[in-house]
Amino acid sequence: MKLAPRARKAVLTVHIVSSGAWIGIDVLVAVLVGVGLAGGSDAARGLALRALAEFVVAPMLVSGLVCLASGLLLGLATKWGLVRYWWVAVKLAMNVLLCVLIVVALRPGMADVGAAGVAIEAGQVPVTDLSNLVFPPAVSLTVLAVATLLSVYKPGGRVRRSSRRAAGNGSRRGSLRGSRSASRAVSEARPTVAA
């Protein structure tokens, strides 16, 4: 499957914008977590935690899934492939991992975070331990920064092919080299005629 240049640029734009939105949402999560854990007044801390619980998970998951879908489309429709190059395969794995973590690890705890925000606003000590809230933005921002670096520098080269395919390609390459060498030898052996 190939994309026309205009369609490829449109999908690439969607991919870049969605990943940028994802990074922005993670920065917002870091700010809300910082205010919720160490903000000044109880009202500010409680509001930050309630906003974190109410408004963050859905936009983060949507931006992650749009980034994943556009990345899959780019991988399938461009020369980079999905698992042809290491940097693409690693980015794909990281994107899937982060989307799974949003659903499995982040979303289930948001009800407790919201309840802790309500308790803090009421001047009570929350029942939930909130110290683990520093990990989601730290992990996600680190992984997204690495994904961005991979996109820019494209390190690692190609993923090694299976030994059977590599052997088949090696024999073809060898036969091509052999035929090139033979044709070169024939052309060198031809006498040149001066006019």
N, C-alpha and C. Protein backbone atom coordinates (compact mmCIF):
# COMPACT_ATOMS: atom_id res chain seq x y z
N MET A 1 0.84 -1.17 0.00
CA MET A 1 0.00 0.00 0.00
C MET A 1 0.89 1.24 0.00
N LYS A 2 0.65 2.14 -0.91
CA LYS A 2 1.40 3.38 -1.00
C LYS A 2 0.45 4.55 -0.83
N LEU A 3 0.91 5.59 -0.17
CA LEU A 3 0.14 6.82 -0.05
C LEU A 3 0.66 7.83 -1.06
N ALA A 4 -0.25 8.58 -1.62
CA ALA A 4 0.15 9.69 -2.49
C ALA A 4 0.89 10.72 -1.62
N PRO A 5 1.78 11.49 -2.21
CA PRO A 5 2.56 12.45 -1.41
C PRO A 5 1.70 13.37 -0.55
N ARG A 6 0.61 13.87 -1.10
CA ARG A 6 -0.26 14.78 -0.34
C ARG A 6 -0.92 14.04 0.84
N ALA A 7 -1.37 12.81 0.60
CA ALA A 7 -1.99 12.02 1.68
C ALA A 7 -0.95 11.65 2.74
N ARG A 8 0.26 11.32 2.31
CA ARG A 8 1.32 10.99 3.27
C ARG A 8 1.63 12.18 4.16
N LYS A 9 1.69 13.38 3.57
CA LYS A 9 1.95 14.58 4.37
C LYS A 9 0.81 14.85 5.34
N ALA A 10 -0.42 14.58 4.93
CA ALA A 10 -1.57 14.78 5.81
C ALA A 10 -1.50 13.82 7.00
N VAL A 11 -1.19 12.55 6.73
CA VAL A 11 -1.09 11.57 7.81
C VAL A 11 0.09 11.89 8.72
N LEU A 12 1.20 12.31 8.14
CA LEU A 12 2.36 12.69 8.93
C LEU A 12 2.04 13.88 9.83
N THR A 13 1.29 14.85 9.30
CA THR A 13 0.87 16.00 10.09
C THR A 13 0.00 15.57 11.26
N VAL A 14 -0.95 14.68 11.01
CA VAL A 14 -1.80 14.16 12.09
C VAL A 14 -0.94 13.46 13.14
N HIS A 15 0.04 12.69 12.69
CA HIS A 15 0.92 11.97 13.61
C HIS A 15 1.71 12.94 14.49
N ILE A 16 2.27 13.97 13.88
CA ILE A 16 3.07 14.95 14.63
C ILE A 16 2.19 15.73 15.60
N VAL A 17 1.02 16.17 15.14
CA VAL A 17 0.13 16.95 16.00
C VAL A 17 -0.37 16.10 17.17
N SER A 18 -0.74 14.85 16.90
CA SER A 18 -1.23 14.00 17.99
C SER A 18 -0.14 13.70 19.01
N SER A 19 1.07 13.48 18.54
CA SER A 19 2.16 13.23 19.50
C SER A 19 2.50 14.49 20.28
N GLY A 20 2.42 15.65 19.62
CA GLY A 20 2.63 16.91 20.34
C GLY A 20 1.54 17.16 21.37
N ALA A 21 0.30 16.84 21.01
CA ALA A 21 -0.81 16.97 21.97
C ALA A 21 -0.60 16.04 23.15
N TRP A 22 -0.15 14.83 22.86
CA TRP A 22 0.10 13.86 23.92
C TRP A 22 1.16 14.38 24.89
N ILE A 23 2.24 14.94 24.35
CA ILE A 23 3.29 15.51 25.20
C ILE A 23 2.72 16.67 26.01
N GLY A 24 1.92 17.52 25.38
CA GLY A 24 1.30 18.64 26.09
C GLY A 24 0.40 18.19 27.22
N ILE A 25 -0.38 17.15 26.98
CA ILE A 25 -1.26 16.62 28.03
C ILE A 25 -0.43 16.07 29.17
N ASP A 26 0.68 15.41 28.85
CA ASP A 26 1.55 14.90 29.91
C ASP A 26 2.19 16.02 30.72
N VAL A 27 2.52 17.12 30.07
CA VAL A 27 3.05 18.27 30.81
C VAL A 27 1.96 18.81 31.74
N LEU A 28 0.72 18.88 31.25
CA LEU A 28 -0.40 19.31 32.08
C LEU A 28 -0.58 18.37 33.28
N VAL A 29 -0.47 17.07 33.03
CA VAL A 29 -0.56 16.08 34.12
C VAL A 29 0.52 16.35 35.15
N ALA A 30 1.74 16.62 34.70
CA ALA A 30 2.84 16.90 35.63
C ALA A 30 2.54 18.13 36.47
N VAL A 31 1.98 19.17 35.84
CA VAL A 31 1.63 20.39 36.57
C VAL A 31 0.53 20.10 37.59
N LEU A 32 -0.51 19.39 37.17
CA LEU A 32 -1.61 19.08 38.09
C LEU A 32 -1.14 18.20 39.25
N VAL A 33 -0.28 17.24 38.96
CA VAL A 33 0.26 16.39 40.02
C VAL A 33 1.11 17.23 40.97
N GLY A 34 1.94 18.12 40.43
CA GLY A 34 2.76 18.97 41.29
C GLY A 34 1.93 19.85 42.20
N VAL A 35 0.88 20.46 41.63
CA VAL A 35 0.00 21.30 42.45
C VAL A 35 -0.76 20.43 43.45
N GLY A 36 -1.24 19.27 43.00
CA GLY A 36 -2.00 18.40 43.90
C GLY A 36 -1.20 17.86 45.06
N LEU A 37 0.08 17.64 44.85
CA LEU A 37 0.92 17.10 45.91
C LEU A 37 1.57 18.18 46.76
N ALA A 38 1.96 19.28 46.14
CA ALA A 38 2.74 20.27 46.88
C ALA A 38 2.22 21.69 46.69
N GLY A 39 1.01 21.84 46.14
CA GLY A 39 0.45 23.18 45.94
C GLY A 39 0.21 23.88 47.26
N GLY A 40 -0.08 25.16 47.18
CA GLY A 40 -0.23 25.95 48.40
C GLY A 40 -1.45 25.59 49.23
N SER A 41 -2.60 26.08 48.84
CA SER A 41 -3.79 25.91 49.66
C SER A 41 -4.45 24.57 49.41
N ASP A 42 -5.28 24.17 50.36
CA ASP A 42 -6.05 22.93 50.19
C ASP A 42 -7.00 23.04 49.01
N ALA A 43 -7.55 24.23 48.81
CA ALA A 43 -8.48 24.41 47.69
C ALA A 43 -7.77 24.18 46.35
N ALA A 44 -6.57 24.72 46.20
CA ALA A 44 -5.82 24.55 44.95
C ALA A 44 -5.41 23.09 44.77
N ARG A 45 -4.94 22.46 45.84
CA ARG A 45 -4.54 21.05 45.76
C ARG A 45 -5.73 20.16 45.39
N GLY A 46 -6.84 20.38 46.04
CA GLY A 46 -8.02 19.57 45.77
C GLY A 46 -8.54 19.76 44.36
N LEU A 47 -8.56 21.01 43.91
CA LEU A 47 -9.02 21.31 42.55
C LEU A 47 -8.11 20.65 41.51
N ALA A 48 -6.80 20.71 41.74
CA ALA A 48 -5.85 20.09 40.80
C ALA A 48 -6.08 18.58 40.72
N LEU A 49 -6.29 17.94 41.85
CA LEU A 49 -6.50 16.49 41.85
C LEU A 49 -7.83 16.12 41.21
N ARG A 50 -8.87 16.92 41.47
CA ARG A 50 -10.16 16.63 40.84
C ARG A 50 -10.09 16.84 39.33
N ALA A 51 -9.38 17.89 38.88
CA ALA A 51 -9.21 18.12 37.44
C ALA A 51 -8.41 16.98 36.81
N LEU A 52 -7.41 16.52 37.50
CA LEU A 52 -6.61 15.39 37.01
C LEU A 52 -7.48 14.16 36.83
N ALA A 53 -8.32 13.89 37.82
CA ALA A 53 -9.17 12.70 37.76
C ALA A 53 -10.25 12.82 36.70
N GLU A 54 -10.74 14.03 36.48
CA GLU A 54 -11.91 14.21 35.60
C GLU A 54 -11.55 14.41 34.14
N PHE A 55 -10.48 15.14 33.86
CA PHE A 55 -10.27 15.64 32.50
C PHE A 55 -9.05 15.12 31.75
N VAL A 56 -8.24 14.28 32.34
CA VAL A 56 -6.96 13.96 31.71
C VAL A 56 -6.96 12.66 30.92
N VAL A 57 -7.57 11.62 31.44
CA VAL A 57 -7.42 10.28 30.87
C VAL A 57 -7.95 10.21 29.44
N ALA A 58 -9.16 10.71 29.20
CA ALA A 58 -9.76 10.59 27.86
C ALA A 58 -8.94 11.32 26.79
N PRO A 59 -8.56 12.60 26.98
CA PRO A 59 -7.74 13.24 25.93
C PRO A 59 -6.39 12.58 25.73
N MET A 60 -5.79 12.10 26.82
CA MET A 60 -4.49 11.42 26.69
C MET A 60 -4.64 10.14 25.88
N LEU A 61 -5.68 9.36 26.17
CA LEU A 61 -5.89 8.11 25.44
C LEU A 61 -6.22 8.38 23.98
N VAL A 62 -7.05 9.38 23.71
CA VAL A 62 -7.40 9.71 22.32
C VAL A 62 -6.16 10.14 21.54
N SER A 63 -5.34 11.01 22.12
CA SER A 63 -4.13 11.45 21.41
C SER A 63 -3.18 10.28 21.21
N GLY A 64 -3.08 9.38 22.19
CA GLY A 64 -2.22 8.20 22.04
C GLY A 64 -2.71 7.27 20.95
N LEU A 65 -4.03 7.06 20.88
CA LEU A 65 -4.58 6.16 19.85
C LEU A 65 -4.49 6.78 18.46
N VAL A 66 -4.69 8.10 18.35
CA VAL A 66 -4.53 8.77 17.05
C VAL A 66 -3.07 8.70 16.61
N CYS A 67 -2.17 8.89 17.55
CA CYS A 67 -0.74 8.78 17.25
C CYS A 67 -0.41 7.36 16.79
N LEU A 68 -0.98 6.36 17.46
CA LEU A 68 -0.76 4.97 17.09
C LEU A 68 -1.32 4.66 15.71
N ALA A 69 -2.56 5.08 15.46
CA ALA A 69 -3.20 4.79 14.16
C ALA A 69 -2.46 5.47 13.02
N SER A 70 -2.10 6.73 13.20
CA SER A 70 -1.38 7.43 12.13
C SER A 70 0.02 6.85 11.94
N GLY A 71 0.65 6.42 13.03
CA GLY A 71 1.96 5.78 12.91
C GLY A 71 1.87 4.45 12.19
N LEU A 72 0.82 3.67 12.49
CA LEU A 72 0.62 2.41 11.77
C LEU A 72 0.43 2.66 10.28
N LEU A 73 -0.38 3.65 9.95
CA LEU A 73 -0.62 3.96 8.55
C LEU A 73 0.66 4.42 7.85
N LEU A 74 1.42 5.25 8.51
CA LEU A 74 2.70 5.68 7.93
C LEU A 74 3.66 4.50 7.76
N GLY A 75 3.67 3.62 8.75
CA GLY A 75 4.55 2.45 8.65
C GLY A 75 4.17 1.53 7.51
N LEU A 76 2.88 1.32 7.34
CA LEU A 76 2.41 0.43 6.28
C LEU A 76 2.54 1.04 4.88
N ALA A 77 2.49 2.36 4.79
CA ALA A 77 2.40 3.01 3.48
C ALA A 77 3.67 3.76 3.08
N THR A 78 4.74 3.61 3.83
CA THR A 78 5.99 4.29 3.45
C THR A 78 7.13 3.28 3.46
N LYS A 79 8.29 3.75 3.07
CA LYS A 79 9.46 2.87 2.98
C LYS A 79 9.94 2.39 4.34
N TRP A 80 9.50 3.05 5.42
CA TRP A 80 10.00 2.70 6.74
C TRP A 80 9.42 1.39 7.25
N GLY A 81 8.21 1.04 6.87
CA GLY A 81 7.60 -0.19 7.33
C GLY A 81 7.28 -0.14 8.82
N LEU A 82 6.67 -1.21 9.32
CA LEU A 82 6.35 -1.28 10.75
C LEU A 82 7.49 -1.90 11.55
N VAL A 83 8.09 -2.93 11.03
CA VAL A 83 9.19 -3.59 11.75
C VAL A 83 10.39 -3.79 10.84
N ARG A 84 10.54 -2.92 9.87
CA ARG A 84 11.68 -3.00 8.96
C ARG A 84 12.90 -2.33 9.57
N TYR A 85 12.68 -1.25 10.31
CA TYR A 85 13.77 -0.50 10.95
C TYR A 85 13.57 -0.52 12.46
N TRP A 86 14.67 -0.59 13.20
CA TRP A 86 14.59 -0.68 14.65
C TRP A 86 13.88 0.51 15.26
N TRP A 87 14.17 1.72 14.79
CA TRP A 87 13.60 2.90 15.43
C TRP A 87 12.08 2.91 15.27
N VAL A 88 11.56 2.41 14.16
CA VAL A 88 10.11 2.37 13.97
C VAL A 88 9.49 1.30 14.87
N ALA A 89 10.12 0.14 14.94
CA ALA A 89 9.61 -0.95 15.78
C ALA A 89 9.60 -0.55 17.25
N VAL A 90 10.63 0.13 17.70
CA VAL A 90 10.70 0.56 19.10
C VAL A 90 9.63 1.61 19.38
N LYS A 91 9.47 2.55 18.45
CA LYS A 91 8.41 3.57 18.63
C LYS A 91 7.03 2.92 18.69
N LEU A 92 6.79 1.95 17.83
CA LEU A 92 5.50 1.25 17.83
C LEU A 92 5.27 0.57 19.17
N ALA A 93 6.28 -0.13 19.66
CA ALA A 93 6.16 -0.83 20.95
C ALA A 93 5.91 0.15 22.09
N MET A 94 6.62 1.27 22.09
CA MET A 94 6.43 2.27 23.15
C MET A 94 5.04 2.87 23.10
N ASN A 95 4.53 3.15 21.90
CA ASN A 95 3.20 3.73 21.76
C ASN A 95 2.14 2.76 22.28
N VAL A 96 2.24 1.51 21.90
CA VAL A 96 1.29 0.50 22.38
C VAL A 96 1.38 0.37 23.90
N LEU A 97 2.61 0.32 24.43
CA LEU A 97 2.80 0.18 25.87
C LEU A 97 2.17 1.35 26.62
N LEU A 98 2.39 2.57 26.17
CA LEU A 98 1.82 3.72 26.86
C LEU A 98 0.29 3.72 26.80
N CYS A 99 -0.28 3.35 25.65
CA CYS A 99 -1.75 3.28 25.55
C CYS A 99 -2.31 2.22 26.49
N VAL A 100 -1.64 1.09 26.59
CA VAL A 100 -2.09 0.05 27.52
C VAL A 100 -1.97 0.53 28.97
N LEU A 101 -0.89 1.22 29.30
CA LEU A 101 -0.71 1.73 30.66
C LEU A 101 -1.78 2.77 31.02
N ILE A 102 -2.20 3.57 30.06
CA ILE A 102 -3.27 4.54 30.33
C ILE A 102 -4.54 3.81 30.75
N VAL A 103 -4.86 2.75 30.02
CA VAL A 103 -6.10 2.01 30.28
C VAL A 103 -5.98 1.14 31.54
N VAL A 104 -4.85 0.47 31.69
CA VAL A 104 -4.71 -0.53 32.76
C VAL A 104 -4.25 0.08 34.08
N ALA A 105 -3.33 1.03 34.04
CA ALA A 105 -2.74 1.54 35.28
C ALA A 105 -3.26 2.92 35.68
N LEU A 106 -3.45 3.82 34.73
CA LEU A 106 -3.82 5.19 35.08
C LEU A 106 -5.31 5.35 35.33
N ARG A 107 -6.13 4.92 34.41
CA ARG A 107 -7.58 5.15 34.49
C ARG A 107 -8.22 4.54 35.73
N PRO A 108 -7.89 3.30 36.13
CA PRO A 108 -8.56 2.73 37.30
C PRO A 108 -8.32 3.51 38.60
N GLY A 109 -7.21 4.21 38.73
CA GLY A 109 -6.92 4.93 39.96
C GLY A 109 -7.47 6.34 40.02
N MET A 110 -8.06 6.81 38.93
CA MET A 110 -8.51 8.19 38.88
C MET A 110 -9.69 8.47 39.82
N ALA A 111 -10.54 7.48 40.10
CA ALA A 111 -11.65 7.69 41.04
C ALA A 111 -11.09 7.99 42.43
N ASP A 112 -10.05 7.28 42.83
CA ASP A 112 -9.42 7.53 44.14
C ASP A 112 -8.74 8.89 44.18
N VAL A 113 -8.15 9.30 43.06
CA VAL A 113 -7.51 10.62 43.00
C VAL A 113 -8.57 11.71 43.14
N GLY A 114 -9.70 11.55 42.47
CA GLY A 114 -10.79 12.53 42.59
C GLY A 114 -11.33 12.59 44.01
N ALA A 115 -11.48 11.43 44.64
CA ALA A 115 -11.95 11.38 46.03
C ALA A 115 -10.94 12.05 46.97
N ALA A 116 -9.66 11.85 46.69
CA ALA A 116 -8.63 12.51 47.50
C ALA A 116 -8.71 14.02 47.34
N GLY A 117 -8.99 14.48 46.13
CA GLY A 117 -9.14 15.92 45.90
C GLY A 117 -10.31 16.50 46.69
N VAL A 118 -11.42 15.79 46.70
CA VAL A 118 -12.60 16.23 47.47
C VAL A 118 -12.26 16.27 48.96
N ALA A 119 -11.56 15.23 49.44
CA ALA A 119 -11.19 15.19 50.86
C ALA A 119 -10.26 16.33 51.23
N ILE A 120 -9.29 16.62 50.37
CA ILE A 120 -8.35 17.72 50.66
C ILE A 120 -9.08 19.05 50.68
N GLU A 121 -9.99 19.26 49.74
CA GLU A 121 -10.77 20.51 49.73
C GLU A 121 -11.60 20.66 51.00
N ALA A 122 -12.04 19.55 51.57
CA ALA A 122 -12.84 19.59 52.81
C ALA A 122 -11.96 19.67 54.05
N GLY A 123 -10.63 19.75 53.86
CA GLY A 123 -9.72 19.86 54.99
C GLY A 123 -9.41 18.54 55.65
N GLN A 124 -9.69 17.45 54.99
CA GLN A 124 -9.42 16.13 55.55
C GLN A 124 -8.14 15.55 54.94
N VAL A 125 -7.62 14.54 55.58
CA VAL A 125 -6.46 13.83 55.06
C VAL A 125 -6.98 12.73 54.13
N PRO A 126 -6.50 12.71 52.87
CA PRO A 126 -7.01 11.68 51.95
C PRO A 126 -6.59 10.28 52.38
N VAL A 127 -7.46 9.32 52.10
CA VAL A 127 -7.17 7.92 52.42
C VAL A 127 -6.15 7.35 51.44
N THR A 128 -6.21 7.80 50.21
CA THR A 128 -5.36 7.27 49.13
C THR A 128 -3.95 7.84 49.23
N ASP A 129 -2.94 6.99 49.03
CA ASP A 129 -1.55 7.43 48.93
C ASP A 129 -1.34 8.05 47.56
N LEU A 130 -1.00 9.31 47.50
CA LEU A 130 -0.87 10.03 46.24
C LEU A 130 0.58 10.11 45.75
N SER A 131 1.52 9.55 46.47
CA SER A 131 2.93 9.68 46.09
C SER A 131 3.24 9.01 44.76
N ASN A 132 2.46 8.01 44.37
CA ASN A 132 2.70 7.33 43.10
C ASN A 132 2.28 8.15 41.88
N LEU A 133 1.63 9.27 42.10
CA LEU A 133 1.19 10.11 40.98
C LEU A 133 2.35 10.73 40.21
N VAL A 134 3.53 10.76 40.79
CA VAL A 134 4.67 11.35 40.08
C VAL A 134 5.14 10.46 38.94
N PHE A 135 4.84 9.16 39.01
CA PHE A 135 5.37 8.24 38.00
C PHE A 135 4.71 8.36 36.63
N PRO A 136 3.39 8.48 36.52
CA PRO A 136 2.80 8.54 35.16
C PRO A 136 3.37 9.66 34.28
N PRO A 137 3.43 10.91 34.76
CA PRO A 137 3.99 11.92 33.85
C PRO A 137 5.49 11.74 33.63
N ALA A 138 6.21 11.27 34.64
CA ALA A 138 7.66 11.08 34.47
C ALA A 138 7.94 10.00 33.45
N VAL A 139 7.25 8.87 33.57
CA VAL A 139 7.47 7.76 32.63
C VAL A 139 7.02 8.15 31.23
N SER A 140 5.82 8.70 31.14
CA SER A 140 5.27 9.02 29.82
C SER A 140 6.09 10.09 29.10
N LEU A 141 6.46 11.14 29.82
CA LEU A 141 7.26 12.19 29.17
C LEU A 141 8.63 11.67 28.74
N THR A 142 9.22 10.80 29.53
CA THR A 142 10.50 10.21 29.16
C THR A 142 10.37 9.36 27.90
N VAL A 143 9.34 8.50 27.88
CA VAL A 143 9.15 7.62 26.71
C VAL A 143 8.83 8.45 25.47
N LEU A 144 8.00 9.47 25.60
CA LEU A 144 7.66 10.30 24.44
C LEU A 144 8.86 11.12 23.97
N ALA A 145 9.71 11.53 24.89
CA ALA A 145 10.94 12.23 24.48
C ALA A 145 11.86 11.29 23.71
N VAL A 146 11.97 10.04 24.19
CA VAL A 146 12.78 9.06 23.47
C VAL A 146 12.19 8.79 22.08
N ALA A 147 10.87 8.67 21.99
CA ALA A 147 10.22 8.45 20.69
C ALA A 147 10.49 9.61 19.74
N THR A 148 10.49 10.83 20.27
CA THR A 148 10.79 11.99 19.43
C THR A 148 12.23 11.95 18.94
N LEU A 149 13.15 11.60 19.83
CA LEU A 149 14.56 11.47 19.43
C LEU A 149 14.73 10.38 18.37
N LEU A 150 14.03 9.27 18.53
CA LEU A 150 14.10 8.21 17.52
C LEU A 150 13.60 8.70 16.17
N SER A 151 12.54 9.50 16.18
CA SER A 151 11.99 10.03 14.93
C SER A 151 12.96 10.97 14.23
N VAL A 152 13.69 11.72 15.02
CA VAL A 152 14.60 12.71 14.44
C VAL A 152 15.89 12.05 13.95
N TYR A 153 16.49 11.18 14.78
CA TYR A 153 17.80 10.61 14.46
C TYR A 153 17.76 9.28 13.72
N LYS A 154 16.65 8.55 13.83
CA LYS A 154 16.45 7.27 13.13
C LYS A 154 17.66 6.32 13.28
N PRO A 155 18.02 5.99 14.52
CA PRO A 155 19.20 5.12 14.72
C PRO A 155 18.86 3.65 14.56
N GLY A 156 19.89 2.84 14.52
CA GLY A 156 19.72 1.40 14.65
C GLY A 156 19.67 0.60 13.37
N GLY A 157 19.45 1.21 12.25
CA GLY A 157 19.44 0.45 11.01
C GLY A 157 18.25 -0.47 10.87
N ARG A 158 18.40 -1.44 10.00
CA ARG A 158 17.31 -2.36 9.67
C ARG A 158 17.24 -3.50 10.67
N VAL A 159 16.03 -4.00 10.85
CA VAL A 159 15.81 -5.19 11.66
C VAL A 159 16.32 -6.37 10.86
N ARG A 160 17.04 -7.26 11.50
CA ARG A 160 17.60 -8.43 10.82
C ARG A 160 16.48 -9.32 10.32
N ARG A 161 16.61 -9.78 9.10
CA ARG A 161 15.61 -10.67 8.51
C ARG A 161 15.81 -12.08 9.01
N SER A 162 14.81 -12.93 8.79
CA SER A 162 14.95 -14.34 9.19
C SER A 162 16.08 -14.97 8.39
N SER A 163 16.67 -16.01 8.93
CA SER A 163 17.84 -16.62 8.28
C SER A 163 17.49 -17.21 6.92
N ARG A 164 16.27 -17.73 6.75
CA ARG A 164 15.90 -18.33 5.47
C ARG A 164 15.77 -17.24 4.40
N ARG A 165 15.11 -16.11 4.74
CA ARG A 165 14.99 -15.02 3.77
C ARG A 165 16.35 -14.42 3.47
N ALA A 166 17.16 -14.27 4.53
CA ALA A 166 18.49 -13.69 4.32
C ALA A 166 19.33 -14.59 3.43
N ALA A 167 19.20 -15.92 3.63
CA ALA A 167 19.96 -16.85 2.79
C ALA A 167 19.50 -16.75 1.34
N GLY A 168 18.20 -16.64 1.14
CA GLY A 168 17.67 -16.49 -0.22
C GLY A 168 18.14 -15.20 -0.85
N ASN A 169 18.14 -14.13 -0.08
CA ASN A 169 18.62 -12.85 -0.62
C ASN A 169 20.11 -12.89 -0.84
N GLY A 170 20.84 -13.60 0.03
CA GLY A 170 22.28 -13.70 -0.15
C GLY A 170 22.64 -14.44 -1.42
N SER A 171 21.89 -15.53 -1.72
CA SER A 171 22.21 -16.27 -2.94
C SER A 171 21.86 -15.44 -4.17
N ARG A 172 20.78 -14.66 -4.07
CA ARG A 172 20.44 -13.78 -5.20
C ARG A 172 21.50 -12.71 -5.38
N ARG A 173 21.95 -12.14 -4.24
CA ARG A 173 23.00 -11.13 -4.34
C ARG A 173 24.26 -11.72 -4.93
N GLY A 174 24.57 -12.94 -4.49
CA GLY A 174 25.77 -13.60 -5.02
C GLY A 174 25.65 -13.85 -6.51
N SER A 175 24.48 -14.28 -6.97
CA SER A 175 24.31 -14.51 -8.40
C SER A 175 24.35 -13.20 -9.17
N LEU A 176 23.82 -12.12 -8.55
CA LEU A 176 23.91 -10.82 -9.22
C LEU A 176 25.36 -10.36 -9.31
N ARG A 177 26.09 -10.54 -8.19
CA ARG A 177 27.50 -10.16 -8.22
C ARG A 177 28.26 -10.98 -9.25
N GLY A 178 27.94 -12.28 -9.31
CA GLY A 178 28.61 -13.14 -10.27
C GLY A 178 28.31 -12.74 -11.70
N SER A 179 27.06 -12.40 -11.99
CA SER A 179 26.72 -11.99 -13.36
C SER A 179 27.33 -10.64 -13.69
N ARG A 180 27.42 -9.74 -12.67
CA ARG A 180 28.07 -8.44 -12.92
C ARG A 180 29.55 -8.64 -13.19
N SER A 181 30.18 -9.53 -12.41
CA SER A 181 31.61 -9.78 -12.61
C SER A 181 31.86 -10.39 -13.98
N ALA A 182 30.98 -11.31 -14.39
CA ALA A 182 31.14 -11.94 -15.69
C ALA A 182 30.96 -10.93 -16.81
N SER A 183 29.95 -10.06 -16.70
CA SER A 183 29.75 -9.08 -17.77
C SER A 183 30.89 -8.07 -17.80
N ARG A 184 31.45 -7.73 -16.63
CA ARG A 184 32.58 -6.81 -16.60
C ARG A 184 33.80 -7.47 -17.25
N ALA A 185 34.00 -8.75 -16.97
CA ALA A 185 35.14 -9.46 -17.56
C ALA A 185 35.00 -9.54 -19.07
N VAL A 186 33.78 -9.76 -19.55
CA VAL A 186 33.55 -9.82 -21.00
C VAL A 186 33.82 -8.47 -21.62
N SER A 187 33.33 -7.39 -20.98
CA SER A 187 33.54 -6.07 -21.57
C SER A 187 35.00 -5.68 -21.54
N GLU A 188 35.74 -6.11 -20.51
CA GLU A 188 37.16 -5.79 -20.46
C GLU A 188 37.95 -6.61 -21.48
N ALA A 189 37.45 -7.80 -21.80
CA ALA A 189 38.17 -8.67 -22.72
C ALA A 189 37.96 -8.25 -24.17
N ARG A 190 36.92 -7.48 -24.46
CA ARG A 190 36.67 -7.06 -25.83
C ARG A 190 37.79 -6.13 -26.29
N PRO A 191 38.28 -6.33 -27.46
CA PRO A 191 39.33 -5.42 -27.96
C PRO A 191 38.70 -4.09 -28.35
N THR A 192 39.43 -3.04 -28.09
CA THR A 192 38.96 -1.72 -28.49
C THR A 192 39.54 -1.40 -29.86
N VAL A 193 38.71 -0.87 -30.67
CA VAL A 193 39.14 -0.54 -32.03
C VAL A 193 39.28 0.96 -32.12
N ALA A 194 40.45 1.41 -32.54
CA ALA A 194 40.65 2.85 -32.70
C ALA A 194 40.16 3.25 -34.07
N ALA A 195 39.45 4.31 -34.12
CA ALA A 195 38.92 4.76 -35.41
C ALA A 195 39.85 5.70 -36.09
